[in-house]
Amino acid sequence: MKLYLVSQVCNGGYDTYSDIVVAALSEKDARMIDPSNAENTSIHKDNGAWCAPSCLKVEYLGPTKHKRGVICDSFHAG
């Protein structure tokens, strides 16, 4: 697995995620992880809290032994 920092700027304000750190197989896989989906499956929905995969900035951080999914997130509650 690899660690990625995934950031979005499409949806801002309250009740949104700005950034997440994820363990994923690839950059493409990291884009598909939705922090608002508790199972961390590849089903991605633009629900206002996160955004479409094409709007995400993904930065590789390094290798990890974590299982696939969200390691931590930055959620701006309202």
N, C-alpha and C. Protein backbone atom coordinates (compact mmCIF):
# COMPACT_ATOMS: atom_id res chain seq x y z
N MET A 1 0.84 -1.19 0.00
CA MET A 1 0.00 0.00 0.00
C MET A 1 0.88 1.25 0.00
N LYS A 2 0.25 2.34 -0.43
CA LYS A 2 0.94 3.63 -0.48
C LYS A 2 0.08 4.67 0.24
N LEU A 3 0.74 5.65 0.85
CA LEU A 3 0.04 6.75 1.51
C LEU A 3 -0.08 7.93 0.55
N TYR A 4 -1.27 8.53 0.54
CA TYR A 4 -1.52 9.71 -0.29
C TYR A 4 -2.24 10.78 0.53
N LEU A 5 -1.89 12.04 0.25
CA LEU A 5 -2.65 13.19 0.75
C LEU A 5 -3.57 13.60 -0.39
N VAL A 6 -4.88 13.60 -0.12
CA VAL A 6 -5.87 13.94 -1.13
C VAL A 6 -6.58 15.21 -0.68
N SER A 7 -6.58 16.24 -1.51
CA SER A 7 -7.16 17.54 -1.16
C SER A 7 -8.20 17.94 -2.20
N GLN A 8 -9.18 18.72 -1.74
CA GLN A 8 -10.19 19.24 -2.67
C GLN A 8 -10.50 20.69 -2.34
N VAL A 9 -10.87 21.45 -3.37
CA VAL A 9 -11.24 22.85 -3.19
C VAL A 9 -12.59 23.15 -3.85
N CYS A 10 -13.26 22.13 -4.38
CA CYS A 10 -14.54 22.33 -5.07
C CYS A 10 -15.67 22.67 -4.11
N ASN A 11 -15.73 21.95 -3.00
CA ASN A 11 -16.78 22.16 -2.01
C ASN A 11 -16.14 22.72 -0.74
N GLY A 12 -16.53 23.90 -0.35
CA GLY A 12 -15.95 24.51 0.84
C GLY A 12 -17.01 24.87 1.86
N GLY A 13 -16.58 25.44 2.94
CA GLY A 13 -17.51 25.87 3.97
C GLY A 13 -17.74 24.80 5.00
N TYR A 14 -18.90 24.88 5.65
CA TYR A 14 -19.24 23.94 6.72
C TYR A 14 -19.69 22.59 6.16
N ASP A 15 -19.50 21.56 6.99
CA ASP A 15 -19.91 20.19 6.67
C ASP A 15 -19.24 19.66 5.40
N THR A 16 -17.96 19.97 5.25
CA THR A 16 -17.19 19.47 4.11
C THR A 16 -15.83 18.96 4.59
N TYR A 17 -15.25 18.07 3.81
CA TYR A 17 -13.87 17.62 4.02
C TYR A 17 -12.97 18.47 3.13
N SER A 18 -11.83 18.90 3.67
CA SER A 18 -10.88 19.61 2.82
C SER A 18 -9.73 18.70 2.40
N ASP A 19 -9.32 17.79 3.28
CA ASP A 19 -8.18 16.92 3.02
C ASP A 19 -8.39 15.57 3.70
N ILE A 20 -7.79 14.54 3.11
CA ILE A 20 -7.73 13.23 3.76
C ILE A 20 -6.37 12.60 3.47
N VAL A 21 -5.92 11.77 4.37
CA VAL A 21 -4.75 10.93 4.13
C VAL A 21 -5.29 9.52 4.01
N VAL A 22 -4.92 8.85 2.92
CA VAL A 22 -5.44 7.51 2.65
C VAL A 22 -4.33 6.52 2.35
N ALA A 23 -4.62 5.25 2.61
CA ALA A 23 -3.80 4.15 2.14
C ALA A 23 -4.52 3.60 0.91
N ALA A 24 -3.81 3.51 -0.19
CA ALA A 24 -4.42 3.06 -1.44
C ALA A 24 -3.39 2.33 -2.29
N LEU A 25 -3.90 1.61 -3.28
CA LEU A 25 -3.02 0.86 -4.17
C LEU A 25 -2.31 1.75 -5.18
N SER A 26 -2.97 2.85 -5.58
CA SER A 26 -2.42 3.74 -6.61
C SER A 26 -3.03 5.12 -6.46
N GLU A 27 -2.54 6.08 -7.24
CA GLU A 27 -3.13 7.42 -7.23
C GLU A 27 -4.59 7.35 -7.68
N LYS A 28 -4.86 6.56 -8.70
CA LYS A 28 -6.24 6.41 -9.18
C LYS A 28 -7.14 5.85 -8.08
N ASP A 29 -6.65 4.85 -7.36
CA ASP A 29 -7.40 4.27 -6.26
C ASP A 29 -7.62 5.28 -5.15
N ALA A 30 -6.62 6.11 -4.85
CA ALA A 30 -6.73 7.15 -3.81
C ALA A 30 -7.84 8.15 -4.16
N ARG A 31 -7.98 8.48 -5.43
CA ARG A 31 -9.04 9.41 -5.87
C ARG A 31 -10.44 8.85 -5.63
N MET A 32 -10.57 7.53 -5.60
CA MET A 32 -11.88 6.89 -5.48
C MET A 32 -12.33 6.71 -4.04
N ILE A 33 -11.45 6.91 -3.07
CA ILE A 33 -11.82 6.73 -1.67
C ILE A 33 -12.60 7.95 -1.19
N ASP A 34 -13.79 7.71 -0.70
CA ASP A 34 -14.69 8.77 -0.25
C ASP A 34 -14.70 8.80 1.28
N PRO A 35 -14.26 9.90 1.90
CA PRO A 35 -14.20 9.95 3.36
C PRO A 35 -15.57 9.89 4.04
N SER A 36 -16.62 10.20 3.33
CA SER A 36 -17.95 10.16 3.93
C SER A 36 -18.59 8.77 3.82
N ASN A 37 -17.87 7.83 3.21
CA ASN A 37 -18.34 6.45 3.07
C ASN A 37 -17.64 5.62 4.13
N ALA A 38 -18.34 5.18 5.15
CA ALA A 38 -17.75 4.48 6.29
C ALA A 38 -17.01 3.20 5.90
N GLU A 39 -17.42 2.56 4.82
CA GLU A 39 -16.76 1.31 4.41
C GLU A 39 -15.52 1.57 3.57
N ASN A 40 -15.26 2.82 3.19
CA ASN A 40 -14.11 3.18 2.35
C ASN A 40 -14.08 2.38 1.05
N THR A 41 -15.24 2.10 0.49
CA THR A 41 -15.28 1.37 -0.76
C THR A 41 -14.99 2.31 -1.91
N SER A 42 -14.90 1.78 -3.10
CA SER A 42 -14.61 2.60 -4.27
C SER A 42 -15.85 3.27 -4.84
N ILE A 43 -16.97 3.20 -4.14
CA ILE A 43 -18.17 3.89 -4.59
C ILE A 43 -18.05 5.34 -4.16
N HIS A 44 -17.95 6.24 -5.11
CA HIS A 44 -17.70 7.65 -4.83
C HIS A 44 -18.92 8.47 -5.21
N LYS A 45 -19.41 9.28 -4.28
CA LYS A 45 -20.56 10.12 -4.55
C LYS A 45 -20.20 11.57 -4.28
N ASP A 46 -20.60 12.47 -5.17
CA ASP A 46 -20.41 13.90 -4.93
C ASP A 46 -21.62 14.37 -4.13
N ASN A 47 -21.48 14.31 -2.80
CA ASN A 47 -22.60 14.59 -1.91
C ASN A 47 -22.51 15.96 -1.25
N GLY A 48 -21.60 16.80 -1.70
CA GLY A 48 -21.44 18.12 -1.12
C GLY A 48 -20.39 18.18 -0.03
N ALA A 49 -20.11 17.05 0.62
CA ALA A 49 -19.08 17.00 1.65
C ALA A 49 -17.71 16.74 1.02
N TRP A 50 -17.69 16.08 -0.11
CA TRP A 50 -16.47 15.75 -0.85
C TRP A 50 -16.74 16.13 -2.29
N CYS A 51 -15.90 15.82 -3.21
CA CYS A 51 -16.15 16.23 -4.59
C CYS A 51 -15.80 15.10 -5.56
N ALA A 52 -16.04 15.35 -6.82
CA ALA A 52 -15.76 14.35 -7.86
C ALA A 52 -14.26 14.06 -7.94
N PRO A 53 -13.88 12.84 -8.29
CA PRO A 53 -12.47 12.47 -8.38
C PRO A 53 -11.65 13.39 -9.28
N SER A 54 -12.25 13.95 -10.31
CA SER A 54 -11.50 14.82 -11.23
C SER A 54 -11.11 16.15 -10.59
N CYS A 55 -11.75 16.53 -9.49
CA CYS A 55 -11.44 17.79 -8.80
C CYS A 55 -10.41 17.64 -7.69
N LEU A 56 -9.89 16.44 -7.50
CA LEU A 56 -8.99 16.18 -6.38
C LEU A 56 -7.52 16.36 -6.75
N LYS A 57 -6.75 16.87 -5.81
CA LYS A 57 -5.30 16.93 -5.94
C LYS A 57 -4.75 15.79 -5.08
N VAL A 58 -3.89 14.94 -5.66
CA VAL A 58 -3.36 13.78 -4.96
C VAL A 58 -1.83 13.88 -4.91
N GLU A 59 -1.29 13.71 -3.70
CA GLU A 59 0.17 13.78 -3.50
C GLU A 59 0.64 12.51 -2.81
N TYR A 60 1.61 11.82 -3.42
CA TYR A 60 2.17 10.60 -2.85
C TYR A 60 3.03 10.95 -1.65
N LEU A 61 2.84 10.24 -0.53
CA LEU A 61 3.60 10.51 0.70
C LEU A 61 4.65 9.44 1.00
N GLY A 62 4.38 8.19 0.59
CA GLY A 62 5.33 7.11 0.87
C GLY A 62 4.62 5.79 1.08
N PRO A 63 5.39 4.75 1.36
CA PRO A 63 4.79 3.43 1.57
C PRO A 63 4.15 3.33 2.96
N THR A 64 3.24 2.36 3.11
CA THR A 64 2.58 2.14 4.40
C THR A 64 2.19 0.68 4.53
N LYS A 65 1.98 0.25 5.78
CA LYS A 65 1.48 -1.09 6.05
C LYS A 65 0.00 -1.07 6.43
N HIS A 66 -0.62 0.11 6.40
CA HIS A 66 -2.05 0.25 6.71
C HIS A 66 -2.89 -0.47 5.66
N LYS A 67 -4.08 -0.88 6.09
CA LYS A 67 -5.05 -1.43 5.14
C LYS A 67 -5.64 -0.27 4.33
N ARG A 68 -6.20 -0.58 3.17
CA ARG A 68 -6.79 0.43 2.30
C ARG A 68 -7.88 1.20 3.03
N GLY A 69 -7.85 2.52 2.89
CA GLY A 69 -8.89 3.36 3.46
C GLY A 69 -8.36 4.66 4.01
N VAL A 70 -9.23 5.40 4.67
CA VAL A 70 -8.90 6.70 5.23
C VAL A 70 -8.10 6.51 6.51
N ILE A 71 -6.95 7.19 6.60
CA ILE A 71 -6.12 7.17 7.81
C ILE A 71 -6.54 8.31 8.72
N CYS A 72 -6.69 9.51 8.16
CA CYS A 72 -7.21 10.65 8.90
C CYS A 72 -7.85 11.63 7.92
N ASP A 73 -8.71 12.49 8.46
CA ASP A 73 -9.40 13.44 7.59
C ASP A 73 -9.53 14.79 8.29
N SER A 74 -9.78 15.80 7.49
CA SER A 74 -10.01 17.14 7.99
C SER A 74 -11.45 17.53 7.60
N PHE A 75 -12.37 17.42 8.55
CA PHE A 75 -13.78 17.70 8.32
C PHE A 75 -14.14 19.00 9.02
N HIS A 76 -14.81 19.90 8.31
CA HIS A 76 -15.17 21.21 8.84
C HIS A 76 -16.67 21.20 9.17
N ALA A 77 -16.98 20.83 10.42
CA ALA A 77 -18.36 20.72 10.86
C ALA A 77 -19.02 22.09 11.00
N GLY A 78 -20.33 22.11 10.79
CA GLY A 78 -21.05 23.37 10.84
C GLY A 78 -21.93 23.54 12.02
